[in-house]
């Protein structure tokens, strides 16, 4: 059960961070730009909350919040580099 909760928390947190990144106007992962809807941050926010709630029973409250924030920050740190790499690959295909 603990492994399942840890896996759920990690996958949901990573997906939440990516969805929140893709919802930002300056992202480069999607060629078409950010998500087209006004409330594009809702799916990412819901998954982030699911991730935090899955981490809560695994650790002490302060440790769960800290680990959750570290996970989100890690993915948000990597996402711009993935977007830049993808934009570069797209530019090479176009040229």
PDB file of N, CA and C in Angstrom:
ATOM      1  N   UNK A   1       0.823  -1.199   0.000  1.00  0.00           N
ATOM      2  CA  UNK A   1       0.000   0.000   0.000  1.00  0.00           C
ATOM      3  C   UNK A   1       0.862   1.256   0.000  1.00  0.00           C
ATOM      4  N   UNK A   2       1.954   1.232   0.775  1.00  0.00           N
ATOM      5  CA  UNK A   2       2.811   2.404   0.824  1.00  0.00           C
ATOM      6  C   UNK A   2       3.486   2.656  -0.511  1.00  0.00           C
ATOM      7  N   UNK A   3       3.908   1.591  -1.183  1.00  0.00           N
ATOM      8  CA  UNK A   3       4.544   1.745  -2.485  1.00  0.00           C
ATOM      9  C   UNK A   3       3.555   2.314  -3.494  1.00  0.00           C
ATOM     10  N   UNK A   4       2.319   1.854  -3.436  1.00  0.00           N
ATOM     11  CA  UNK A   4       1.286   2.351  -4.351  1.00  0.00           C
ATOM     12  C   UNK A   4       1.013   3.838  -4.111  1.00  0.00           C
ATOM     13  N   UNK A   5       0.932   4.238  -2.854  1.00  0.00           N
ATOM     14  CA  UNK A   5       0.723   5.654  -2.545  1.00  0.00           C
ATOM     15  C   UNK A   5       1.909   6.509  -2.974  1.00  0.00           C
ATOM     16  N   UNK A   6       3.114   6.007  -2.767  1.00  0.00           N
ATOM     17  CA  UNK A   6       4.309   6.746  -3.181  1.00  0.00           C
ATOM     18  C   UNK A   6       4.359   6.885  -4.691  1.00  0.00           C
ATOM     19  N   UNK A   7       4.012   5.828  -5.394  1.00  0.00           N
ATOM     20  CA  UNK A   7       3.989   5.878  -6.861  1.00  0.00           C
ATOM     21  C   UNK A   7       2.914   6.845  -7.351  1.00  0.00           C
ATOM     22  N   UNK A   8       1.733   6.781  -6.751  1.00  0.00           N
ATOM     23  CA  UNK A   8       0.656   7.701  -7.108  1.00  0.00           C
ATOM     24  C   UNK A   8       1.056   9.141  -6.852  1.00  0.00           C
ATOM     25  N   UNK A   9       1.672   9.400  -5.731  1.00  0.00           N
ATOM     26  CA  UNK A   9       2.090  10.761  -5.391  1.00  0.00           C
ATOM     27  C   UNK A   9       3.133  11.278  -6.370  1.00  0.00           C
ATOM     28  N   UNK A  10       4.076  10.429  -6.745  1.00  0.00           N
ATOM     29  CA  UNK A  10       5.135  10.841  -7.665  1.00  0.00           C
ATOM     30  C   UNK A  10       4.599  11.082  -9.073  1.00  0.00           C
ATOM     31  N   UNK A  11       3.798  10.165  -9.566  1.00  0.00           N
ATOM     32  CA  UNK A  11       3.261  10.301 -10.922  1.00  0.00           C
ATOM     33  C   UNK A  11       2.289  11.483 -10.997  1.00  0.00           C
ATOM     34  N   UNK A  12       1.411  11.613 -10.018  1.00  0.00           N
ATOM     35  CA  UNK A  12       0.454  12.724 -10.019  1.00  0.00           C
ATOM     36  C   UNK A  12       1.170  14.061  -9.870  1.00  0.00           C
ATOM     37  N   UNK A  13       2.193  14.117  -9.032  1.00  0.00           N
ATOM     38  CA  UNK A  13       2.941  15.363  -8.862  1.00  0.00           C
ATOM     39  C   UNK A  13       3.698  15.753 -10.113  1.00  0.00           C
ATOM     40  N   UNK A  14       4.316  14.787 -10.770  1.00  0.00           N
ATOM     41  CA  UNK A  14       5.040  15.074 -12.013  1.00  0.00           C
ATOM     42  C   UNK A  14       4.082  15.516 -13.114  1.00  0.00           C
ATOM     43  N   UNK A  15       2.962  14.825 -13.239  1.00  0.00           N
ATOM     44  CA  UNK A  15       1.970  15.210 -14.250  1.00  0.00           C
ATOM     45  C   UNK A  15       1.385  16.585 -13.938  1.00  0.00           C
ATOM     46  N   UNK A  16       1.162  16.879 -12.668  1.00  0.00           N
ATOM     47  CA  UNK A  16       0.629  18.188 -12.282  1.00  0.00           C
ATOM     48  C   UNK A  16       1.590  19.300 -12.660  1.00  0.00           C
ATOM     49  N   UNK A  17       2.856  19.102 -12.365  1.00  0.00           N
ATOM     50  CA  UNK A  17       3.846  20.130 -12.693  1.00  0.00           C
ATOM     51  C   UNK A  17       3.939  20.338 -14.202  1.00  0.00           C
ATOM     52  N   UNK A  18       3.890  19.255 -14.970  1.00  0.00           N
ATOM     53  CA  UNK A  18       3.948  19.396 -16.432  1.00  0.00           C
ATOM     54  C   UNK A  18       2.694  20.093 -16.966  1.00  0.00           C
ATOM     55  N   UNK A  19       1.529  19.750 -16.435  1.00  0.00           N
ATOM     56  CA  UNK A  19       0.300  20.410 -16.895  1.00  0.00           C
ATOM     57  C   UNK A  19       0.302  21.891 -16.536  1.00  0.00           C
ATOM     58  N   UNK A  20       0.795  22.217 -15.363  1.00  0.00           N
ATOM     59  CA  UNK A  20       0.869  23.631 -14.987  1.00  0.00           C
ATOM     60  C   UNK A  20       1.895  24.370 -15.836  1.00  0.00           C
ATOM     61  N   UNK A  21       2.980  23.699 -16.205  1.00  0.00           N
ATOM     62  CA  UNK A  21       3.971  24.329 -17.079  1.00  0.00           C
ATOM     63  C   UNK A  21       3.395  24.563 -18.474  1.00  0.00           C
ATOM     64  N   UNK A  22       2.693  23.576 -18.999  1.00  0.00           N
ATOM     65  CA  UNK A  22       2.108  23.697 -20.345  1.00  0.00           C
ATOM     66  C   UNK A  22       1.016  24.768 -20.367  1.00  0.00           C
ATOM     67  N   UNK A  23       0.411  25.059 -19.230  1.00  0.00           N
ATOM     68  CA  UNK A  23      -0.625  26.091 -19.166  1.00  0.00           C
ATOM     69  C   UNK A  23      -0.045  27.502 -19.184  1.00  0.00           C
ATOM     70  N   UNK A  24       1.270  27.630 -18.976  1.00  0.00           N
ATOM     71  CA  UNK A  24       1.866  28.971 -18.944  1.00  0.00           C
ATOM     72  C   UNK A  24       2.072  29.495 -20.367  1.00  0.00           C
ATOM     73  N   UNK A  25       1.938  30.800 -20.570  1.00  0.00           N
ATOM     74  CA  UNK A  25       2.038  31.354 -21.923  1.00  0.00           C
ATOM     75  C   UNK A  25       3.445  31.286 -22.519  1.00  0.00           C
ATOM     76  N   UNK A  26       4.494  31.190 -21.713  1.00  0.00           N
ATOM     77  CA  UNK A  26       5.852  31.197 -22.233  1.00  0.00           C
ATOM     78  C   UNK A  26       6.414  29.800 -22.503  1.00  0.00           C
ATOM     79  N   UNK A  27       5.631  28.772 -22.347  1.00  0.00           N
ATOM     80  CA  UNK A  27       6.138  27.415 -22.528  1.00  0.00           C
ATOM     81  C   UNK A  27       6.447  27.142 -23.994  1.00  0.00           C
ATOM     82  N   UNK A  28       7.360  26.194 -24.227  1.00  0.00           N
ATOM     83  CA  UNK A  28       7.747  25.840 -25.589  1.00  0.00           C
ATOM     84  C   UNK A  28       7.528  24.367 -25.905  1.00  0.00           C
ATOM     85  N   UNK A  29       6.901  23.630 -25.001  1.00  0.00           N
ATOM     86  CA  UNK A  29       6.674  22.210 -25.256  1.00  0.00           C
ATOM     87  C   UNK A  29       5.641  22.005 -26.359  1.00  0.00           C
ATOM     88  N   UNK A  30       4.563  22.716 -26.311  1.00  0.00           N
ATOM     89  CA  UNK A  30       3.525  22.601 -27.346  1.00  0.00           C
ATOM     90  C   UNK A  30       3.809  23.592 -28.459  1.00  0.00           C
ATOM     91  N   UNK A  31       3.764  23.129 -29.676  1.00  0.00           N
ATOM     92  CA  UNK A  31       4.001  24.012 -30.822  1.00  0.00           C
ATOM     93  C   UNK A  31       2.869  25.023 -30.969  1.00  0.00           C
ATOM     94  N   UNK A  32       1.679  24.646 -30.552  1.00  0.00           N
ATOM     95  CA  UNK A  32       0.515  25.524 -30.695  1.00  0.00           C
ATOM     96  C   UNK A  32       0.416  26.547 -29.561  1.00  0.00           C
ATOM     97  N   UNK A  33       1.332  26.526 -28.620  1.00  0.00           N
ATOM     98  CA  UNK A  33       1.281  27.469 -27.507  1.00  0.00           C
ATOM     99  C   UNK A  33       0.626  26.847 -26.296  1.00  0.00           C
ATOM    100  N   UNK A  34       0.238  27.676 -25.317  1.00  0.00           N
ATOM    101  CA  UNK A  34      -0.362  27.132 -24.086  1.00  0.00           C
ATOM    102  C   UNK A  34      -1.742  26.541 -24.356  1.00  0.00           C
ATOM    103  N   UNK A  35      -2.256  25.853 -23.358  1.00  0.00           N
ATOM    104  CA  UNK A  35      -3.607  25.300 -23.480  1.00  0.00           C
ATOM    105  C   UNK A  35      -4.567  26.420 -23.840  1.00  0.00           C
ATOM    106  N   UNK A  36      -5.517  26.167 -24.701  1.00  0.00           N
ATOM    107  CA  UNK A  36      -6.374  27.245 -25.208  1.00  0.00           C
ATOM    108  C   UNK A  36      -7.446  27.765 -24.250  1.00  0.00           C
ATOM    109  N   UNK A  37      -7.757  27.055 -23.206  1.00  0.00           N
ATOM    110  CA  UNK A  37      -8.845  27.485 -22.333  1.00  0.00           C
ATOM    111  C   UNK A  37      -8.379  28.507 -21.307  1.00  0.00           C
ATOM    112  N   UNK A  38      -9.354  29.226 -20.776  1.00  0.00           N
ATOM    113  CA  UNK A  38      -9.042  30.230 -19.757  1.00  0.00           C
ATOM    114  C   UNK A  38      -8.620  29.611 -18.442  1.00  0.00           C
ATOM    115  N   UNK A  39      -9.179  28.489 -18.113  1.00  0.00           N
ATOM    116  CA  UNK A  39      -8.898  27.840 -16.826  1.00  0.00           C
ATOM    117  C   UNK A  39      -8.005  26.622 -17.023  1.00  0.00           C
ATOM    118  N   UNK A  40      -6.915  26.804 -17.721  1.00  0.00           N
ATOM    119  CA  UNK A  40      -6.018  25.690 -18.041  1.00  0.00           C
ATOM    120  C   UNK A  40      -5.267  25.185 -16.822  1.00  0.00           C
ATOM    121  N   UNK A  41      -5.259  25.934 -15.751  1.00  0.00           N
ATOM    122  CA  UNK A  41      -4.513  25.545 -14.560  1.00  0.00           C
ATOM    123  C   UNK A  41      -5.280  24.564 -13.668  1.00  0.00           C
ATOM    124  N   UNK A  42      -6.563  24.351 -13.925  1.00  0.00           N
ATOM    125  CA  UNK A  42      -7.370  23.465 -13.085  1.00  0.00           C
ATOM    126  C   UNK A  42      -6.872  22.020 -13.066  1.00  0.00           C
ATOM    127  N   UNK A  43      -6.631  21.371 -14.206  1.00  0.00           N
ATOM    128  CA  UNK A  43      -6.190  19.963 -14.139  1.00  0.00           C
ATOM    129  C   UNK A  43      -4.877  19.792 -13.380  1.00  0.00           C
ATOM    130  N   UNK A  44      -3.934  20.686 -13.604  1.00  0.00           N
ATOM    131  CA  UNK A  44      -2.664  20.611 -12.895  1.00  0.00           C
ATOM    132  C   UNK A  44      -2.823  20.827 -11.400  1.00  0.00           C
ATOM    133  N   UNK A  45      -3.687  21.751 -11.027  1.00  0.00           N
ATOM    134  CA  UNK A  45      -3.914  22.027  -9.609  1.00  0.00           C
ATOM    135  C   UNK A  45      -4.580  20.843  -8.912  1.00  0.00           C
ATOM    136  N   UNK A  46      -5.520  20.213  -9.581  1.00  0.00           N
ATOM    137  CA  UNK A  46      -6.200  19.051  -8.994  1.00  0.00           C
ATOM    138  C   UNK A  46      -5.210  17.901  -8.812  1.00  0.00           C
ATOM    139  N   UNK A  47      -4.371  17.665  -9.827  1.00  0.00           N
ATOM    140  CA  UNK A  47      -3.378  16.592  -9.700  1.00  0.00           C
ATOM    141  C   UNK A  47      -2.338  16.907  -8.622  1.00  0.00           C
ATOM    142  N   UNK A  48      -1.990  18.175  -8.476  1.00  0.00           N
ATOM    143  CA  UNK A  48      -1.052  18.555  -7.413  1.00  0.00           C
ATOM    144  C   UNK A  48      -1.658  18.275  -6.042  1.00  0.00           C
ATOM    145  N   UNK A  49      -2.918  18.567  -5.880  1.00  0.00           N
ATOM    146  CA  UNK A  49      -3.596  18.284  -4.619  1.00  0.00           C
ATOM    147  C   UNK A  49      -3.688  16.782  -4.368  1.00  0.00           C
ATOM    148  N   UNK A  50      -3.972  16.006  -5.411  1.00  0.00           N
ATOM    149  CA  UNK A  50      -4.001  14.538  -5.278  1.00  0.00           C
ATOM    150  C   UNK A  50      -2.632  14.028  -4.852  1.00  0.00           C
ATOM    151  N   UNK A  51      -1.581  14.588  -5.432  1.00  0.00           N
ATOM    152  CA  UNK A  51      -0.227  14.189  -5.077  1.00  0.00           C
ATOM    153  C   UNK A  51       0.066  14.481  -3.607  1.00  0.00           C
ATOM    154  N   UNK A  52      -0.298  15.661  -3.154  1.00  0.00           N
ATOM    155  CA  UNK A  52      -0.066  16.014  -1.750  1.00  0.00           C
ATOM    156  C   UNK A  52      -0.871  15.116  -0.814  1.00  0.00           C
ATOM    157  N   UNK A  53      -2.110  14.855  -1.168  1.00  0.00           N
ATOM    158  CA  UNK A  53      -2.940  13.996  -0.321  1.00  0.00           C
ATOM    159  C   UNK A  53      -2.434  12.557  -0.301  1.00  0.00           C
ATOM    160  N   UNK A  54      -1.810  12.106  -1.380  1.00  0.00           N
ATOM    161  CA  UNK A  54      -1.239  10.759  -1.402  1.00  0.00           C
ATOM    162  C   UNK A  54       0.038  10.694  -0.572  1.00  0.00           C
ATOM    163  N   UNK A  55       0.783  11.796  -0.501  1.00  0.00           N
ATOM    164  CA  UNK A  55       2.010  11.816   0.305  1.00  0.00           C
ATOM    165  C   UNK A  55       1.725  11.951   1.795  1.00  0.00           C
ATOM    166  N   UNK A  56       0.609  12.544   2.125  1.00  0.00           N
ATOM    167  CA  UNK A  56       0.295  12.872   3.519  1.00  0.00           C
ATOM    168  C   UNK A  56       0.378  11.669   4.456  1.00  0.00           C
ATOM    169  N   UNK A  57      -0.238  10.509   4.126  1.00  0.00           N
ATOM    170  CA  UNK A  57      -0.155   9.384   5.072  1.00  0.00           C
ATOM    171  C   UNK A  57       1.209   8.690   5.091  1.00  0.00           C
ATOM    172  N   UNK A  58       2.053   8.966   4.128  1.00  0.00           N
ATOM    173  CA  UNK A  58       3.357   8.307   4.060  1.00  0.00           C
ATOM    174  C   UNK A  58       4.387   8.933   4.991  1.00  0.00           C
ATOM    175  N   UNK A  59       4.247  10.230   5.267  1.00  0.00           N
ATOM    176  CA  UNK A  59       5.257  10.961   6.029  1.00  0.00           C
ATOM    177  C   UNK A  59       4.574  11.867   7.043  1.00  0.00           C
ATOM    178  N   UNK A  60       5.402  12.504   7.846  1.00  0.00           N
ATOM    179  CA  UNK A  60       4.885  13.536   8.737  1.00  0.00           C
ATOM    180  C   UNK A  60       4.430  14.716   7.882  1.00  0.00           C
ATOM    181  N   UNK A  61       3.501  15.519   8.377  1.00  0.00           N
ATOM    182  CA  UNK A  61       2.960  16.605   7.548  1.00  0.00           C
ATOM    183  C   UNK A  61       4.020  17.551   6.963  1.00  0.00           C
ATOM    184  N   UNK A  62       4.976  17.969   7.768  1.00  0.00           N
ATOM    185  CA  UNK A  62       5.992  18.884   7.266  1.00  0.00           C
ATOM    186  C   UNK A  62       6.880  18.208   6.224  1.00  0.00           C
ATOM    187  N   UNK A  63       7.197  16.942   6.425  1.00  0.00           N
ATOM    188  CA  UNK A  63       7.998  16.198   5.452  1.00  0.00           C
ATOM    189  C   UNK A  63       7.233  15.980   4.159  1.00  0.00           C
ATOM    190  N   UNK A  64       5.934  15.710   4.250  1.00  0.00           N
ATOM    191  CA  UNK A  64       5.121  15.503   3.054  1.00  0.00           C
ATOM    192  C   UNK A  64       5.055  16.776   2.222  1.00  0.00           C
ATOM    193  N   UNK A  65       4.838  17.911   2.864  1.00  0.00           N
ATOM    194  CA  UNK A  65       4.773  19.181   2.138  1.00  0.00           C
ATOM    195  C   UNK A  65       6.127  19.505   1.516  1.00  0.00           C
ATOM    196  N   UNK A  66       7.190  19.258   2.253  1.00  0.00           N
ATOM    197  CA  UNK A  66       8.525  19.535   1.748  1.00  0.00           C
ATOM    198  C   UNK A  66       8.859  18.642   0.545  1.00  0.00           C
ATOM    199  N   UNK A  67       8.582  17.360   0.646  1.00  0.00           N
ATOM    200  CA  UNK A  67       8.849  16.440  -0.463  1.00  0.00           C
ATOM    201  C   UNK A  67       7.992  16.780  -1.672  1.00  0.00           C
ATOM    202  N   UNK A  68       6.755  17.168  -1.453  1.00  0.00           N
ATOM    203  CA  UNK A  68       5.843  17.563  -2.525  1.00  0.00           C
ATOM    204  C   UNK A  68       6.373  18.793  -3.257  1.00  0.00           C
ATOM    205  N   UNK A  69       6.822  19.781  -2.490  1.00  0.00           N
ATOM    206  CA  UNK A  69       7.364  20.992  -3.106  1.00  0.00           C
ATOM    207  C   UNK A  69       8.667  20.721  -3.857  1.00  0.00           C
ATOM    208  N   UNK A  70       9.488  19.836  -3.325  1.00  0.00           N
ATOM    209  CA  UNK A  70      10.732  19.468  -4.014  1.00  0.00           C
ATOM    210  C   UNK A  70      10.417  18.763  -5.330  1.00  0.00           C
ATOM    211  N   UNK A  71       9.443  17.868  -5.327  1.00  0.00           N
ATOM    212  CA  UNK A  71       9.057  17.175  -6.560  1.00  0.00           C
ATOM    213  C   UNK A  71       8.559  18.158  -7.610  1.00  0.00           C
ATOM    214  N   UNK A  72       7.659  19.054  -7.215  1.00  0.00           N
ATOM    215  CA  UNK A  72       7.143  20.041  -8.171  1.00  0.00           C
ATOM    216  C   UNK A  72       8.256  20.945  -8.692  1.00  0.00           C
ATOM    217  N   UNK A  73       9.133  21.377  -7.805  1.00  0.00           N
ATOM    218  CA  UNK A  73      10.230  22.252  -8.207  1.00  0.00           C
ATOM    219  C   UNK A  73      11.188  21.536  -9.153  1.00  0.00           C
ATOM    220  N   UNK A  74      11.452  20.268  -8.898  1.00  0.00           N
ATOM    221  CA  UNK A  74      12.332  19.500  -9.774  1.00  0.00           C
ATOM    222  C   UNK A  74      11.762  19.424 -11.190  1.00  0.00           C
ATOM    223  N   UNK A  75      10.496  19.097 -11.302  1.00  0.00           N
ATOM    224  CA  UNK A  75       9.881  18.997 -12.627  1.00  0.00           C
ATOM    225  C   UNK A  75       9.816  20.365 -13.291  1.00  0.00           C
ATOM    226  N   UNK A  76       9.499  21.413 -12.523  1.00  0.00           N
ATOM    227  CA  UNK A  76       9.457  22.758 -13.103  1.00  0.00           C
ATOM    228  C   UNK A  76      10.842  23.240 -13.519  1.00  0.00           C
ATOM    229  N   UNK A  77      11.884  22.706 -12.919  1.00  0.00           N
ATOM    230  CA  UNK A  77      13.242  23.073 -13.311  1.00  0.00           C
ATOM    231  C   UNK A  77      13.666  22.377 -14.598  1.00  0.00           C
ATOM    232  N   UNK A  78      13.173  21.180 -14.825  1.00  0.00           N
ATOM    233  CA  UNK A  78      13.540  20.406 -16.007  1.00  0.00           C
ATOM    234  C   UNK A  78      12.677  20.764 -17.217  1.00  0.00           C
ATOM    235  N   UNK A  79      11.424  21.119 -17.000  1.00  0.00           N
ATOM    236  CA  UNK A  79      10.473  21.366 -18.091  1.00  0.00           C
ATOM    237  C   UNK A  79      10.931  22.430 -19.094  1.00  0.00           C
ATOM    238  N   UNK A  80      11.469  23.571 -18.685  1.00  0.00           N
ATOM    239  CA  UNK A  80      11.909  24.550 -19.690  1.00  0.00           C
ATOM    240  C   UNK A  80      13.019  24.027 -20.600  1.00  0.00           C
ATOM    241  N   UNK A  81      13.901  23.203 -20.055  1.00  0.00           N
ATOM    242  CA  UNK A  81      14.968  22.637 -20.879  1.00  0.00           C
ATOM    243  C   UNK A  81      14.406  21.628 -21.884  1.00  0.00           C
ATOM    244  N   UNK A  82      13.418  20.853 -21.462  1.00  0.00           N
ATOM    245  CA  UNK A  82      12.758  19.945 -22.397  1.00  0.00           C
ATOM    246  C   UNK A  82      12.034  20.728 -23.494  1.00  0.00           C
ATOM    247  N   UNK A  83      11.408  21.837 -23.112  1.00  0.00           N
ATOM    248  CA  UNK A  83      10.729  22.673 -24.098  1.00  0.00           C
ATOM    249  C   UNK A  83      11.694  23.296 -25.085  1.00  0.00           C
ATOM    250  N   UNK A  84      12.833  23.768 -24.606  1.00  0.00           N
ATOM    251  CA  UNK A  84      13.835  24.359 -25.500  1.00  0.00           C
ATOM    252  C   UNK A  84      14.399  23.304 -26.440  1.00  0.00           C
ATOM    253  N   UNK A  85      14.652  22.104 -25.920  1.00  0.00           N
ATOM    254  CA  UNK A  85      15.150  21.027 -26.763  1.00  0.00           C
ATOM    255  C   UNK A  85      14.123  20.658 -27.827  1.00  0.00           C
ATOM    256  N   UNK A  86      12.872  20.587 -27.433  1.00  0.00           N
ATOM    257  CA  UNK A  86      11.817  20.235 -28.390  1.00  0.00           C
ATOM    258  C   UNK A  86      11.639  21.328 -29.444  1.00  0.00           C
ATOM    259  N   UNK A  87      11.729  22.578 -29.055  1.00  0.00           N
ATOM    260  CA  UNK A  87      11.623  23.677 -30.013  1.00  0.00           C
ATOM    261  C   UNK A  87      12.791  23.641 -30.995  1.00  0.00           C
ATOM    262  N   UNK A  88      13.963  23.280 -30.508  1.00  0.00           N
ATOM    263  CA  UNK A  88      15.128  23.188 -31.389  1.00  0.00           C
ATOM    264  C   UNK A  88      14.957  22.052 -32.398  1.00  0.00           C
ATOM    265  N   UNK A  89      14.446  20.916 -31.955  1.00  0.00           N
ATOM    266  CA  UNK A  89      14.194  19.794 -32.854  1.00  0.00           C
ATOM    267  C   UNK A  89      13.143  20.175 -33.894  1.00  0.00           C
ATOM    268  N   UNK A  90      12.110  20.892 -33.453  1.00  0.00           N
ATOM    269  CA  UNK A  90      11.065  21.345 -34.393  1.00  0.00           C
ATOM    270  C   UNK A  90      11.647  22.289 -35.434  1.00  0.00           C
ATOM    271  N   UNK A  91      12.556  23.188 -35.015  1.00  0.00           N
ATOM    272  CA  UNK A  91      13.161  24.149 -35.934  1.00  0.00           C
ATOM    273  C   UNK A  91      14.043  23.426 -36.957  1.00  0.00           C
ATOM    274  N   UNK A  92      14.738  22.383 -36.533  1.00  0.00           N
ATOM    275  CA  UNK A  92      15.581  21.627 -37.465  1.00  0.00           C
ATOM    276  C   UNK A  92      14.746  20.906 -38.508  1.00  0.00           C
ATOM    277  N   UNK A  93      13.608  20.380 -38.089  1.00  0.00           N
ATOM    278  CA  UNK A  93      12.715  19.690 -39.045  1.00  0.00           C
ATOM    279  C   UNK A  93      12.128  20.669 -40.052  1.00  0.00           C
ATOM    280  N   UNK A  94      11.867  21.896 -39.617  1.00  0.00           N
ATOM    281  CA  UNK A  94      11.277  22.902 -40.503  1.00  0.00           C
ATOM    282  C   UNK A  94      12.284  23.405 -41.525  1.00  0.00           C
ATOM    283  N   UNK A  95      13.537  23.481 -41.125  1.00  0.00           N
ATOM    284  CA  UNK A  95      14.556  24.068 -42.009  1.00  0.00           C
ATOM    285  C   UNK A  95      15.071  23.108 -43.037  1.00  0.00           C
TER     286      UNK A  95
END
